[in-house]
Amino acid sequence: MVTVFLVDDHEVVRRGLIDLLDADPHLEVVGEAGSVSEAMARIPAAHPDVAVLDVRLPDGNGIELCRDLLSRMPELRCLILTSYTSDEAMLDAILAGASGYVVKDIKGMELARAVKEVGAGRSLLDNRAAAALMSRLRGAAEKPDPLSGLTDQERTLLGLLSEGLTNKQIADRMFLAEKTVKNYVSRLLAKLGMERRTQAAVFAMQLQRARPGAG
């Protein structure tokens, strides 16, 4: 069961999302909020697996809310759900540590699937977000190889992160202890100047696609 907390300033939208998600036997909505202040007060107490956040809120925005929540609750997964399709907003959401960014025209079943994917620890990007990241990487094509400072083992680890694998799954693949993988991930993030594994996963995935000869 994946527990979900909804943050949107429109009550009608929240009601619709609650009905939609609660209809899935694998999802349970454990709370809702209409503003940043309400969310910051209620989410830590509800301790959900996934927070679904709108970008535009009356007293702030969902991207900053995502960053603030993750600083207090590192295990929380944030999914940005909004009609605001700015490429910069998509990039900011990923850099804030969001596990995914989808727009409100997504179909109901696809949204429920997205919440479950994020709840399972996998990163999720829609095609528009992926295209925005690819564009950003192509713009930096003249810069030195960002992976040049990584060891072969760290490059392998980065590739496994891009597949959305958990520490346990990575440990099985690399024949290492789970605690060792956790330490390696922390060191890798420090080398890349990143705070969350989601950022590294998205970075690796889009870097692969942006390179010549990539499919």
N, C-alpha and C. Protein backbone atom coordinates (compact mmCIF):
# COMPACT_ATOMS: atom_id res chain seq x y z
N MET A 1 0.83 -1.20 0.00
CA MET A 1 0.00 0.00 0.00
C MET A 1 0.87 1.25 0.00
N VAL A 2 0.62 2.15 -0.94
CA VAL A 2 1.34 3.42 -1.01
C VAL A 2 0.44 4.51 -0.45
N THR A 3 0.92 5.21 0.57
CA THR A 3 0.14 6.30 1.17
C THR A 3 0.50 7.61 0.48
N VAL A 4 -0.53 8.46 0.29
CA VAL A 4 -0.38 9.66 -0.53
C VAL A 4 -0.94 10.89 0.19
N PHE A 5 -0.24 12.02 0.05
CA PHE A 5 -0.73 13.30 0.57
C PHE A 5 -0.84 14.25 -0.62
N LEU A 6 -1.98 14.96 -0.74
CA LEU A 6 -2.24 15.84 -1.87
C LEU A 6 -2.13 17.30 -1.46
N VAL A 7 -1.45 18.10 -2.29
CA VAL A 7 -1.35 19.54 -2.06
C VAL A 7 -1.75 20.27 -3.34
N ASP A 8 -2.91 20.93 -3.30
CA ASP A 8 -3.42 21.71 -4.43
C ASP A 8 -4.34 22.78 -3.86
N ASP A 9 -4.28 23.98 -4.41
CA ASP A 9 -5.08 25.07 -3.83
C ASP A 9 -6.54 25.04 -4.28
N HIS A 10 -6.90 24.14 -5.18
CA HIS A 10 -8.29 24.04 -5.62
C HIS A 10 -8.94 22.82 -4.96
N GLU A 11 -9.95 23.07 -4.14
CA GLU A 11 -10.60 21.98 -3.41
C GLU A 11 -11.24 20.98 -4.37
N VAL A 12 -11.82 21.47 -5.46
CA VAL A 12 -12.47 20.58 -6.42
C VAL A 12 -11.44 19.61 -7.02
N VAL A 13 -10.25 20.12 -7.30
CA VAL A 13 -9.19 19.26 -7.83
C VAL A 13 -8.80 18.20 -6.80
N ARG A 14 -8.66 18.63 -5.54
CA ARG A 14 -8.29 17.68 -4.49
C ARG A 14 -9.34 16.60 -4.34
N ARG A 15 -10.62 16.98 -4.37
CA ARG A 15 -11.70 15.99 -4.23
C ARG A 15 -11.63 14.96 -5.36
N GLY A 16 -11.40 15.45 -6.57
CA GLY A 16 -11.32 14.55 -7.71
C GLY A 16 -10.14 13.60 -7.61
N LEU A 17 -8.99 14.13 -7.17
CA LEU A 17 -7.80 13.29 -7.02
C LEU A 17 -7.98 12.26 -5.92
N ILE A 18 -8.62 12.67 -4.83
CA ILE A 18 -8.86 11.72 -3.73
C ILE A 18 -9.73 10.57 -4.21
N ASP A 19 -10.81 10.89 -4.91
CA ASP A 19 -11.70 9.84 -5.42
C ASP A 19 -10.96 8.92 -6.39
N LEU A 20 -10.14 9.52 -7.24
CA LEU A 20 -9.40 8.75 -8.24
C LEU A 20 -8.39 7.81 -7.59
N LEU A 21 -7.59 8.33 -6.68
CA LEU A 21 -6.52 7.53 -6.08
C LEU A 21 -7.06 6.51 -5.09
N ASP A 22 -8.06 6.89 -4.32
CA ASP A 22 -8.63 5.95 -3.35
C ASP A 22 -9.34 4.78 -4.03
N ALA A 23 -9.70 4.95 -5.30
CA ALA A 23 -10.35 3.85 -6.04
C ALA A 23 -9.36 2.74 -6.36
N ASP A 24 -8.06 3.05 -6.27
CA ASP A 24 -7.04 2.03 -6.52
C ASP A 24 -6.74 1.30 -5.21
N PRO A 25 -6.87 -0.02 -5.18
CA PRO A 25 -6.67 -0.77 -3.93
C PRO A 25 -5.25 -0.70 -3.37
N HIS A 26 -4.32 -0.22 -4.19
CA HIS A 26 -2.92 -0.15 -3.74
C HIS A 26 -2.53 1.25 -3.27
N LEU A 27 -3.49 2.18 -3.29
CA LEU A 27 -3.21 3.56 -2.89
C LEU A 27 -4.16 4.00 -1.79
N GLU A 28 -3.65 4.84 -0.89
CA GLU A 28 -4.49 5.39 0.18
C GLU A 28 -4.10 6.85 0.41
N VAL A 29 -5.06 7.76 0.24
CA VAL A 29 -4.82 9.18 0.51
C VAL A 29 -4.95 9.42 2.01
N VAL A 30 -3.87 9.90 2.63
CA VAL A 30 -3.85 10.06 4.09
C VAL A 30 -3.95 11.51 4.53
N GLY A 31 -4.06 12.44 3.57
CA GLY A 31 -4.19 13.84 3.95
C GLY A 31 -4.18 14.75 2.75
N GLU A 32 -4.54 16.01 2.99
CA GLU A 32 -4.57 17.01 1.93
C GLU A 32 -4.29 18.38 2.50
N ALA A 33 -3.86 19.30 1.63
CA ALA A 33 -3.60 20.67 2.03
C ALA A 33 -3.79 21.57 0.83
N GLY A 34 -4.12 22.84 1.10
CA GLY A 34 -4.34 23.79 0.02
C GLY A 34 -3.29 24.87 -0.07
N SER A 35 -2.25 24.78 0.78
CA SER A 35 -1.21 25.80 0.79
C SER A 35 0.10 25.21 1.29
N VAL A 36 1.18 25.97 1.13
CA VAL A 36 2.49 25.53 1.61
C VAL A 36 2.49 25.39 3.12
N SER A 37 1.93 26.40 3.80
CA SER A 37 1.94 26.38 5.27
C SER A 37 1.16 25.19 5.82
N GLU A 38 0.01 24.90 5.22
CA GLU A 38 -0.77 23.73 5.66
C GLU A 38 0.00 22.45 5.40
N ALA A 39 0.64 22.37 4.25
CA ALA A 39 1.39 21.16 3.89
C ALA A 39 2.55 20.93 4.86
N MET A 40 3.29 21.98 5.18
CA MET A 40 4.44 21.84 6.08
C MET A 40 4.00 21.42 7.48
N ALA A 41 2.79 21.81 7.86
CA ALA A 41 2.28 21.45 9.19
C ALA A 41 1.73 20.03 9.21
N ARG A 42 1.12 19.59 8.11
CA ARG A 42 0.39 18.32 8.12
C ARG A 42 1.18 17.12 7.59
N ILE A 43 2.04 17.33 6.61
CA ILE A 43 2.71 16.20 5.97
C ILE A 43 3.62 15.43 6.93
N PRO A 44 4.45 16.10 7.75
CA PRO A 44 5.29 15.33 8.68
C PRO A 44 4.48 14.45 9.62
N ALA A 45 3.30 14.93 10.03
CA ALA A 45 2.46 14.14 10.94
C ALA A 45 1.82 12.96 10.22
N ALA A 46 1.43 13.17 8.95
CA ALA A 46 0.79 12.10 8.18
C ALA A 46 1.81 11.07 7.71
N HIS A 47 3.04 11.48 7.52
CA HIS A 47 4.15 10.61 7.11
C HIS A 47 3.78 9.75 5.89
N PRO A 48 3.40 10.38 4.78
CA PRO A 48 3.03 9.62 3.58
C PRO A 48 4.26 9.10 2.84
N ASP A 49 4.02 8.14 1.95
CA ASP A 49 5.09 7.67 1.08
C ASP A 49 5.35 8.66 -0.06
N VAL A 50 4.25 9.24 -0.57
CA VAL A 50 4.33 10.15 -1.72
C VAL A 50 3.55 11.42 -1.44
N ALA A 51 4.13 12.57 -1.79
CA ALA A 51 3.41 13.84 -1.74
C ALA A 51 3.20 14.31 -3.18
N VAL A 52 1.94 14.51 -3.56
CA VAL A 52 1.61 15.02 -4.89
C VAL A 52 1.41 16.53 -4.76
N LEU A 53 2.26 17.31 -5.42
CA LEU A 53 2.31 18.76 -5.19
C LEU A 53 2.02 19.55 -6.45
N ASP A 54 1.13 20.55 -6.33
CA ASP A 54 0.93 21.49 -7.42
C ASP A 54 2.04 22.54 -7.36
N VAL A 55 2.44 23.08 -8.51
CA VAL A 55 3.49 24.10 -8.52
C VAL A 55 2.98 25.41 -7.94
N ARG A 56 1.84 25.87 -8.40
CA ARG A 56 1.33 27.18 -7.99
C ARG A 56 0.45 27.05 -6.75
N LEU A 57 0.91 27.65 -5.66
CA LEU A 57 0.17 27.64 -4.40
C LEU A 57 0.06 29.08 -3.89
N PRO A 58 -0.96 29.39 -3.09
CA PRO A 58 -1.21 30.79 -2.70
C PRO A 58 -0.09 31.43 -1.88
N ASP A 59 0.67 30.64 -1.15
CA ASP A 59 1.72 31.22 -0.29
C ASP A 59 3.11 30.70 -0.63
N GLY A 60 3.30 30.31 -1.89
CA GLY A 60 4.60 29.80 -2.30
C GLY A 60 4.45 28.93 -3.54
N ASN A 61 5.34 27.96 -3.71
CA ASN A 61 5.22 27.06 -4.85
C ASN A 61 5.63 25.65 -4.46
N GLY A 62 5.13 24.70 -5.22
CA GLY A 62 5.33 23.30 -4.90
C GLY A 62 6.77 22.84 -5.04
N ILE A 63 7.55 23.52 -5.86
CA ILE A 63 8.94 23.11 -6.04
C ILE A 63 9.76 23.43 -4.79
N GLU A 64 9.59 24.64 -4.25
CA GLU A 64 10.27 24.98 -3.00
C GLU A 64 9.74 24.12 -1.85
N LEU A 65 8.44 23.84 -1.89
CA LEU A 65 7.84 22.98 -0.87
C LEU A 65 8.48 21.60 -0.92
N CYS A 66 8.68 21.08 -2.12
CA CYS A 66 9.34 19.78 -2.29
C CYS A 66 10.72 19.80 -1.65
N ARG A 67 11.49 20.83 -1.94
CA ARG A 67 12.85 20.94 -1.39
C ARG A 67 12.82 20.98 0.14
N ASP A 68 11.90 21.79 0.69
CA ASP A 68 11.81 21.93 2.15
C ASP A 68 11.37 20.62 2.81
N LEU A 69 10.41 19.94 2.20
CA LEU A 69 9.93 18.68 2.75
C LEU A 69 11.03 17.62 2.76
N LEU A 70 11.78 17.54 1.66
CA LEU A 70 12.82 16.53 1.56
C LEU A 70 13.97 16.79 2.53
N SER A 71 14.17 18.06 2.90
CA SER A 71 15.22 18.35 3.88
C SER A 71 14.83 17.82 5.26
N ARG A 72 13.52 17.71 5.50
CA ARG A 72 13.03 17.20 6.78
C ARG A 72 12.68 15.72 6.72
N MET A 73 12.28 15.25 5.54
CA MET A 73 11.83 13.87 5.37
C MET A 73 12.51 13.27 4.14
N PRO A 74 13.77 12.87 4.25
CA PRO A 74 14.53 12.40 3.08
C PRO A 74 13.92 11.21 2.36
N GLU A 75 13.13 10.40 3.06
CA GLU A 75 12.55 9.21 2.43
C GLU A 75 11.27 9.53 1.66
N LEU A 76 10.74 10.75 1.80
CA LEU A 76 9.52 11.13 1.10
C LEU A 76 9.77 11.21 -0.40
N ARG A 77 8.78 10.82 -1.19
CA ARG A 77 8.85 10.96 -2.65
C ARG A 77 7.88 12.04 -3.08
N CYS A 78 8.35 12.98 -3.87
CA CYS A 78 7.50 14.08 -4.33
C CYS A 78 7.19 13.92 -5.82
N LEU A 79 5.92 14.04 -6.16
CA LEU A 79 5.48 14.01 -7.56
C LEU A 79 4.81 15.35 -7.86
N ILE A 80 5.37 16.09 -8.80
CA ILE A 80 4.81 17.38 -9.18
C ILE A 80 3.72 17.16 -10.22
N LEU A 81 2.51 17.61 -9.91
CA LEU A 81 1.36 17.46 -10.81
C LEU A 81 0.78 18.84 -11.06
N THR A 82 0.85 19.32 -12.29
CA THR A 82 0.43 20.69 -12.54
C THR A 82 0.09 20.93 -14.01
N SER A 83 -0.63 21.99 -14.27
CA SER A 83 -0.91 22.41 -15.64
C SER A 83 0.17 23.37 -16.12
N TYR A 84 1.09 23.71 -15.25
CA TYR A 84 2.15 24.67 -15.55
C TYR A 84 3.30 23.93 -16.22
N THR A 85 3.45 24.08 -17.54
CA THR A 85 4.36 23.22 -18.30
C THR A 85 5.68 23.90 -18.69
N SER A 86 6.10 24.91 -17.94
CA SER A 86 7.37 25.57 -18.22
C SER A 86 8.53 24.59 -18.13
N ASP A 87 9.43 24.63 -19.13
CA ASP A 87 10.61 23.77 -19.09
C ASP A 87 11.46 24.07 -17.86
N GLU A 88 11.58 25.35 -17.52
CA GLU A 88 12.38 25.72 -16.36
C GLU A 88 11.78 25.16 -15.08
N ALA A 89 10.44 25.16 -15.01
CA ALA A 89 9.78 24.60 -13.82
C ALA A 89 10.06 23.11 -13.71
N MET A 90 10.05 22.42 -14.85
CA MET A 90 10.35 20.99 -14.85
C MET A 90 11.77 20.74 -14.34
N LEU A 91 12.72 21.52 -14.85
CA LEU A 91 14.10 21.36 -14.44
C LEU A 91 14.27 21.68 -12.96
N ASP A 92 13.63 22.76 -12.52
CA ASP A 92 13.72 23.15 -11.11
C ASP A 92 13.16 22.05 -10.21
N ALA A 93 12.08 21.41 -10.66
CA ALA A 93 11.47 20.35 -9.86
C ALA A 93 12.44 19.18 -9.68
N ILE A 94 13.10 18.79 -10.75
CA ILE A 94 14.05 17.68 -10.66
C ILE A 94 15.23 18.06 -9.78
N LEU A 95 15.73 19.28 -9.94
CA LEU A 95 16.86 19.73 -9.13
C LEU A 95 16.48 19.86 -7.66
N ALA A 96 15.19 20.08 -7.39
CA ALA A 96 14.73 20.16 -6.00
C ALA A 96 14.62 18.78 -5.37
N GLY A 97 14.74 17.73 -6.21
CA GLY A 97 14.68 16.37 -5.68
C GLY A 97 13.39 15.64 -5.96
N ALA A 98 12.50 16.25 -6.77
CA ALA A 98 11.24 15.58 -7.09
C ALA A 98 11.51 14.28 -7.84
N SER A 99 10.69 13.28 -7.58
CA SER A 99 10.84 11.98 -8.25
C SER A 99 10.15 11.95 -9.60
N GLY A 100 9.31 12.95 -9.87
CA GLY A 100 8.62 12.99 -11.14
C GLY A 100 7.88 14.29 -11.34
N TYR A 101 7.53 14.56 -12.59
CA TYR A 101 6.82 15.78 -12.96
C TYR A 101 5.86 15.41 -14.08
N VAL A 102 4.57 15.51 -13.82
CA VAL A 102 3.57 15.19 -14.83
C VAL A 102 2.54 16.31 -14.89
N VAL A 103 1.89 16.45 -16.03
CA VAL A 103 0.90 17.51 -16.20
C VAL A 103 -0.50 16.97 -15.97
N LYS A 104 -1.43 17.89 -15.68
CA LYS A 104 -2.77 17.50 -15.25
C LYS A 104 -3.61 16.88 -16.36
N ASP A 105 -3.13 16.93 -17.60
CA ASP A 105 -3.91 16.27 -18.66
C ASP A 105 -3.61 14.77 -18.74
N ILE A 106 -2.82 14.28 -17.79
CA ILE A 106 -2.53 12.85 -17.73
C ILE A 106 -3.82 12.08 -17.43
N LYS A 107 -3.97 10.90 -17.99
CA LYS A 107 -5.16 10.09 -17.74
C LYS A 107 -5.15 9.54 -16.32
N GLY A 108 -6.34 9.29 -15.79
CA GLY A 108 -6.47 8.86 -14.40
C GLY A 108 -5.67 7.62 -14.07
N MET A 109 -5.77 6.59 -14.92
CA MET A 109 -5.05 5.35 -14.66
C MET A 109 -3.54 5.56 -14.72
N GLU A 110 -3.11 6.47 -15.62
CA GLU A 110 -1.68 6.75 -15.74
C GLU A 110 -1.17 7.49 -14.51
N LEU A 111 -2.00 8.38 -13.96
CA LEU A 111 -1.60 9.09 -12.75
C LEU A 111 -1.46 8.12 -11.58
N ALA A 112 -2.43 7.22 -11.42
CA ALA A 112 -2.35 6.23 -10.34
C ALA A 112 -1.10 5.38 -10.50
N ARG A 113 -0.79 5.00 -11.74
CA ARG A 113 0.41 4.21 -12.00
C ARG A 113 1.66 5.03 -11.66
N ALA A 114 1.64 6.32 -12.00
CA ALA A 114 2.79 7.18 -11.71
C ALA A 114 3.03 7.29 -10.21
N VAL A 115 1.96 7.44 -9.44
CA VAL A 115 2.09 7.54 -7.99
C VAL A 115 2.68 6.25 -7.43
N LYS A 116 2.23 5.12 -7.94
CA LYS A 116 2.75 3.83 -7.46
C LYS A 116 4.22 3.65 -7.85
N GLU A 117 4.58 4.09 -9.04
CA GLU A 117 5.98 4.00 -9.48
C GLU A 117 6.87 4.83 -8.57
N VAL A 118 6.45 6.06 -8.31
CA VAL A 118 7.22 6.95 -7.44
C VAL A 118 7.28 6.37 -6.02
N GLY A 119 6.15 5.83 -5.57
CA GLY A 119 6.11 5.24 -4.23
C GLY A 119 7.03 4.04 -4.09
N ALA A 120 7.29 3.36 -5.21
CA ALA A 120 8.19 2.20 -5.19
C ALA A 120 9.65 2.60 -5.28
N GLY A 121 9.91 3.91 -5.35
CA GLY A 121 11.28 4.38 -5.36
C GLY A 121 11.86 4.63 -6.73
N ARG A 122 11.02 4.54 -7.77
CA ARG A 122 11.52 4.78 -9.12
C ARG A 122 11.29 6.23 -9.53
N SER A 123 12.21 6.77 -10.32
CA SER A 123 12.05 8.14 -10.80
C SER A 123 11.15 8.12 -12.03
N LEU A 124 10.44 9.22 -12.23
CA LEU A 124 9.46 9.27 -13.31
C LEU A 124 9.50 10.64 -13.96
N LEU A 125 9.68 10.65 -15.26
CA LEU A 125 9.64 11.90 -16.02
C LEU A 125 8.73 11.71 -17.21
N ASP A 126 7.90 12.72 -17.51
CA ASP A 126 7.14 12.61 -18.75
C ASP A 126 8.05 13.08 -19.90
N ASN A 127 7.59 12.93 -21.13
CA ASN A 127 8.44 13.21 -22.29
C ASN A 127 8.89 14.66 -22.36
N ARG A 128 8.00 15.57 -21.92
CA ARG A 128 8.37 16.98 -21.99
C ARG A 128 9.51 17.31 -21.03
N ALA A 129 9.46 16.73 -19.85
CA ALA A 129 10.53 16.96 -18.88
C ALA A 129 11.84 16.39 -19.40
N ALA A 130 11.77 15.20 -19.99
CA ALA A 130 12.98 14.58 -20.54
C ALA A 130 13.57 15.44 -21.66
N ALA A 131 12.71 15.97 -22.52
CA ALA A 131 13.19 16.81 -23.63
C ALA A 131 13.86 18.07 -23.11
N ALA A 132 13.30 18.65 -22.05
CA ALA A 132 13.89 19.87 -21.48
C ALA A 132 15.28 19.59 -20.93
N LEU A 133 15.43 18.45 -20.27
CA LEU A 133 16.73 18.10 -19.72
C LEU A 133 17.74 17.81 -20.83
N MET A 134 17.29 17.16 -21.89
CA MET A 134 18.18 16.89 -23.02
C MET A 134 18.66 18.19 -23.64
N SER A 135 17.76 19.15 -23.77
CA SER A 135 18.12 20.45 -24.34
C SER A 135 19.17 21.13 -23.49
N ARG A 136 18.99 21.08 -22.17
CA ARG A 136 19.96 21.70 -21.26
C ARG A 136 21.33 21.03 -21.40
N LEU A 137 21.33 19.71 -21.52
CA LEU A 137 22.60 18.99 -21.64
C LEU A 137 23.28 19.28 -22.98
N ARG A 138 22.50 19.39 -24.05
CA ARG A 138 23.09 19.70 -25.36
C ARG A 138 23.72 21.08 -25.35
N GLY A 139 23.10 21.99 -24.59
CA GLY A 139 23.64 23.34 -24.48
C GLY A 139 24.99 23.36 -23.79
N ALA A 140 25.26 22.33 -23.00
CA ALA A 140 26.53 22.24 -22.28
C ALA A 140 27.50 21.28 -22.95
N ALA A 141 27.25 20.98 -24.22
CA ALA A 141 28.04 19.95 -24.91
C ALA A 141 29.52 20.30 -25.02
N GLU A 142 29.84 21.60 -25.03
CA GLU A 142 31.24 21.99 -25.18
C GLU A 142 32.02 21.87 -23.88
N LYS A 143 31.34 21.63 -22.78
CA LYS A 143 32.01 21.52 -21.49
C LYS A 143 32.73 20.17 -21.38
N PRO A 144 33.73 20.07 -20.49
CA PRO A 144 34.43 18.80 -20.30
C PRO A 144 33.47 17.70 -19.87
N ASP A 145 33.86 16.46 -20.13
CA ASP A 145 33.05 15.31 -19.75
C ASP A 145 32.77 15.34 -18.25
N PRO A 146 31.50 15.46 -17.85
CA PRO A 146 31.17 15.55 -16.42
C PRO A 146 31.45 14.26 -15.66
N LEU A 147 31.70 13.16 -16.40
CA LEU A 147 31.97 11.89 -15.74
C LEU A 147 33.47 11.60 -15.63
N SER A 148 34.29 12.54 -16.10
CA SER A 148 35.73 12.27 -16.16
C SER A 148 36.35 12.01 -14.79
N GLY A 149 35.75 12.53 -13.73
CA GLY A 149 36.31 12.35 -12.40
C GLY A 149 35.82 11.11 -11.68
N LEU A 150 35.00 10.30 -12.36
CA LEU A 150 34.42 9.12 -11.72
C LEU A 150 35.24 7.86 -12.02
N THR A 151 35.28 6.97 -11.06
CA THR A 151 35.91 5.66 -11.28
C THR A 151 34.98 4.78 -12.10
N ASP A 152 35.50 3.67 -12.61
CA ASP A 152 34.66 2.74 -13.37
C ASP A 152 33.50 2.24 -12.52
N GLN A 153 33.78 1.97 -11.25
CA GLN A 153 32.74 1.49 -10.35
C GLN A 153 31.65 2.55 -10.16
N GLU A 154 32.07 3.81 -10.04
CA GLU A 154 31.09 4.89 -9.87
C GLU A 154 30.27 5.10 -11.13
N ARG A 155 30.87 4.91 -12.29
CA ARG A 155 30.11 5.01 -13.54
C ARG A 155 29.07 3.89 -13.63
N THR A 156 29.47 2.69 -13.21
CA THR A 156 28.52 1.58 -13.18
C THR A 156 27.38 1.88 -12.23
N LEU A 157 27.72 2.41 -11.06
CA LEU A 157 26.70 2.76 -10.07
C LEU A 157 25.75 3.81 -10.61
N LEU A 158 26.28 4.80 -11.31
CA LEU A 158 25.44 5.85 -11.89
C LEU A 158 24.47 5.26 -12.91
N GLY A 159 24.96 4.31 -13.71
CA GLY A 159 24.09 3.66 -14.68
C GLY A 159 22.95 2.90 -14.03
N LEU A 160 23.24 2.23 -12.91
CA LEU A 160 22.20 1.49 -12.19
C LEU A 160 21.20 2.43 -11.54
N LEU A 161 21.68 3.58 -11.07
CA LEU A 161 20.77 4.58 -10.51
C LEU A 161 19.80 5.07 -11.59
N SER A 162 20.30 5.20 -12.82
CA SER A 162 19.44 5.68 -13.91
C SER A 162 18.34 4.70 -14.24
N GLU A 163 18.51 3.43 -13.83
CA GLU A 163 17.46 2.42 -14.03
C GLU A 163 16.41 2.46 -12.93
N GLY A 164 16.62 3.34 -11.94
CA GLY A 164 15.66 3.47 -10.85
C GLY A 164 15.76 2.37 -9.81
N LEU A 165 16.92 1.71 -9.71
CA LEU A 165 17.07 0.60 -8.78
C LEU A 165 17.27 1.09 -7.35
N THR A 166 16.83 0.29 -6.39
CA THR A 166 17.04 0.59 -4.98
C THR A 166 18.45 0.18 -4.58
N ASN A 167 18.87 0.59 -3.38
CA ASN A 167 20.20 0.20 -2.90
C ASN A 167 20.34 -1.32 -2.84
N LYS A 168 19.28 -2.00 -2.41
CA LYS A 168 19.33 -3.46 -2.31
C LYS A 168 19.52 -4.09 -3.69
N GLN A 169 18.78 -3.59 -4.67
CA GLN A 169 18.89 -4.13 -6.03
C GLN A 169 20.28 -3.87 -6.61
N ILE A 170 20.81 -2.68 -6.33
CA ILE A 170 22.16 -2.35 -6.80
C ILE A 170 23.19 -3.25 -6.12
N ALA A 171 23.00 -3.48 -4.82
CA ALA A 171 23.92 -4.35 -4.08
C ALA A 171 23.96 -5.75 -4.69
N ASP A 172 22.78 -6.25 -5.09
CA ASP A 172 22.72 -7.58 -5.72
C ASP A 172 23.45 -7.58 -7.06
N ARG A 173 23.28 -6.51 -7.83
CA ARG A 173 23.91 -6.43 -9.15
C ARG A 173 25.44 -6.32 -9.04
N MET A 174 25.91 -5.56 -8.05
CA MET A 174 27.34 -5.28 -7.93
C MET A 174 28.04 -6.20 -6.94
N PHE A 175 27.27 -7.13 -6.36
CA PHE A 175 27.82 -8.09 -5.38
C PHE A 175 28.48 -7.37 -4.21
N LEU A 176 27.75 -6.40 -3.66
CA LEU A 176 28.22 -5.61 -2.53
C LEU A 176 27.19 -5.65 -1.42
N ALA A 177 27.59 -5.25 -0.21
CA ALA A 177 26.65 -5.12 0.90
C ALA A 177 25.80 -3.87 0.67
N GLU A 178 24.55 -3.92 1.11
CA GLU A 178 23.65 -2.78 0.91
C GLU A 178 24.21 -1.51 1.57
N LYS A 179 24.81 -1.67 2.75
CA LYS A 179 25.39 -0.51 3.44
C LYS A 179 26.54 0.09 2.64
N THR A 180 27.31 -0.78 2.00
CA THR A 180 28.42 -0.30 1.16
C THR A 180 27.89 0.51 -0.01
N VAL A 181 26.81 0.03 -0.62
CA VAL A 181 26.20 0.75 -1.74
C VAL A 181 25.72 2.12 -1.28
N LYS A 182 25.11 2.17 -0.11
CA LYS A 182 24.62 3.45 0.42
C LYS A 182 25.76 4.44 0.56
N ASN A 183 26.90 3.97 1.05
CA ASN A 183 28.07 4.85 1.20
C ASN A 183 28.60 5.28 -0.16
N TYR A 184 28.62 4.36 -1.12
CA TYR A 184 29.09 4.69 -2.47
C TYR A 184 28.18 5.72 -3.14
N VAL A 185 26.87 5.57 -2.93
CA VAL A 185 25.92 6.53 -3.51
C VAL A 185 26.17 7.92 -2.93
N SER A 186 26.37 8.00 -1.63
CA SER A 186 26.63 9.29 -0.99
C SER A 186 27.89 9.94 -1.56
N ARG A 187 28.93 9.14 -1.75
CA ARG A 187 30.19 9.66 -2.29
C ARG A 187 30.02 10.11 -3.74
N LEU A 188 29.25 9.34 -4.51
CA LEU A 188 28.99 9.69 -5.91
C LEU A 188 28.24 11.01 -6.01
N LEU A 189 27.21 11.18 -5.19
CA LEU A 189 26.44 12.42 -5.20
C LEU A 189 27.32 13.61 -4.86
N ALA A 190 28.21 13.42 -3.89
CA ALA A 190 29.12 14.50 -3.50
C ALA A 190 30.02 14.90 -4.67
N LYS A 191 30.51 13.90 -5.41
CA LYS A 191 31.38 14.18 -6.56
C LYS A 191 30.63 14.94 -7.65
N LEU A 192 29.36 14.62 -7.82
CA LEU A 192 28.56 15.25 -8.87
C LEU A 192 27.97 16.58 -8.42
N GLY A 193 28.12 16.91 -7.14
CA GLY A 193 27.56 18.15 -6.62
C GLY A 193 26.06 18.10 -6.51
N MET A 194 25.52 16.92 -6.23
CA MET A 194 24.08 16.72 -6.13
C MET A 194 23.71 16.27 -4.73
N GLU A 195 22.43 16.43 -4.40
CA GLU A 195 21.96 16.10 -3.07
C GLU A 195 21.16 14.81 -3.02
N ARG A 196 20.48 14.46 -4.12
CA ARG A 196 19.57 13.32 -4.10
C ARG A 196 19.85 12.38 -5.27
N ARG A 197 19.60 11.10 -5.04
CA ARG A 197 19.85 10.08 -6.06
C ARG A 197 18.97 10.29 -7.29
N THR A 198 17.78 10.88 -7.11
CA THR A 198 16.91 11.15 -8.25
C THR A 198 17.60 12.07 -9.24
N GLN A 199 18.30 13.09 -8.72
CA GLN A 199 19.02 14.01 -9.59
C GLN A 199 20.08 13.27 -10.40
N ALA A 200 20.83 12.39 -9.74
CA ALA A 200 21.88 11.63 -10.42
C ALA A 200 21.28 10.71 -11.48
N ALA A 201 20.15 10.08 -11.15
CA ALA A 201 19.51 9.16 -12.09
C ALA A 201 19.06 9.89 -13.35
N VAL A 202 18.41 11.04 -13.16
CA VAL A 202 17.94 11.82 -14.31
C VAL A 202 19.13 12.33 -15.13
N PHE A 203 20.16 12.80 -14.43
CA PHE A 203 21.36 13.30 -15.09
C PHE A 203 21.98 12.22 -15.98
N ALA A 204 22.13 11.01 -15.44
CA ALA A 204 22.75 9.92 -16.19
C ALA A 204 21.90 9.52 -17.39
N MET A 205 20.59 9.43 -17.17
CA MET A 205 19.69 9.00 -18.23
C MET A 205 19.71 9.98 -19.41
N GLN A 206 19.66 11.26 -19.09
CA GLN A 206 19.63 12.25 -20.16
C GLN A 206 20.99 12.45 -20.80
N LEU A 207 22.06 12.28 -20.04
CA LEU A 207 23.40 12.38 -20.61
C LEU A 207 23.61 11.28 -21.65
N GLN A 208 23.12 10.08 -21.36
CA GLN A 208 23.25 8.97 -22.30
C GLN A 208 22.50 9.28 -23.59
N ARG A 209 21.31 9.84 -23.46
CA ARG A 209 20.50 10.13 -24.65
C ARG A 209 21.08 11.28 -25.47
N ALA A 210 21.74 12.21 -24.78
CA ALA A 210 22.24 13.41 -25.46
C ALA A 210 23.54 13.15 -26.21
N ARG A 211 24.22 12.06 -25.90
CA ARG A 211 25.52 11.80 -26.52
C ARG A 211 25.35 11.29 -27.95
N PRO A 212 26.30 11.59 -28.83
CA PRO A 212 26.23 11.13 -30.23
C PRO A 212 26.09 9.62 -30.30
N GLY A 213 25.20 9.17 -31.19
CA GLY A 213 25.02 7.74 -31.38
C GLY A 213 24.00 7.14 -30.45
N ALA A 214 23.47 7.96 -29.52
CA ALA A 214 22.46 7.43 -28.59
C ALA A 214 21.15 7.28 -29.32
N GLY A 215 20.36 6.25 -28.91
CA GLY A 215 19.10 6.02 -29.58
C GLY A 215 18.00 6.86 -29.03
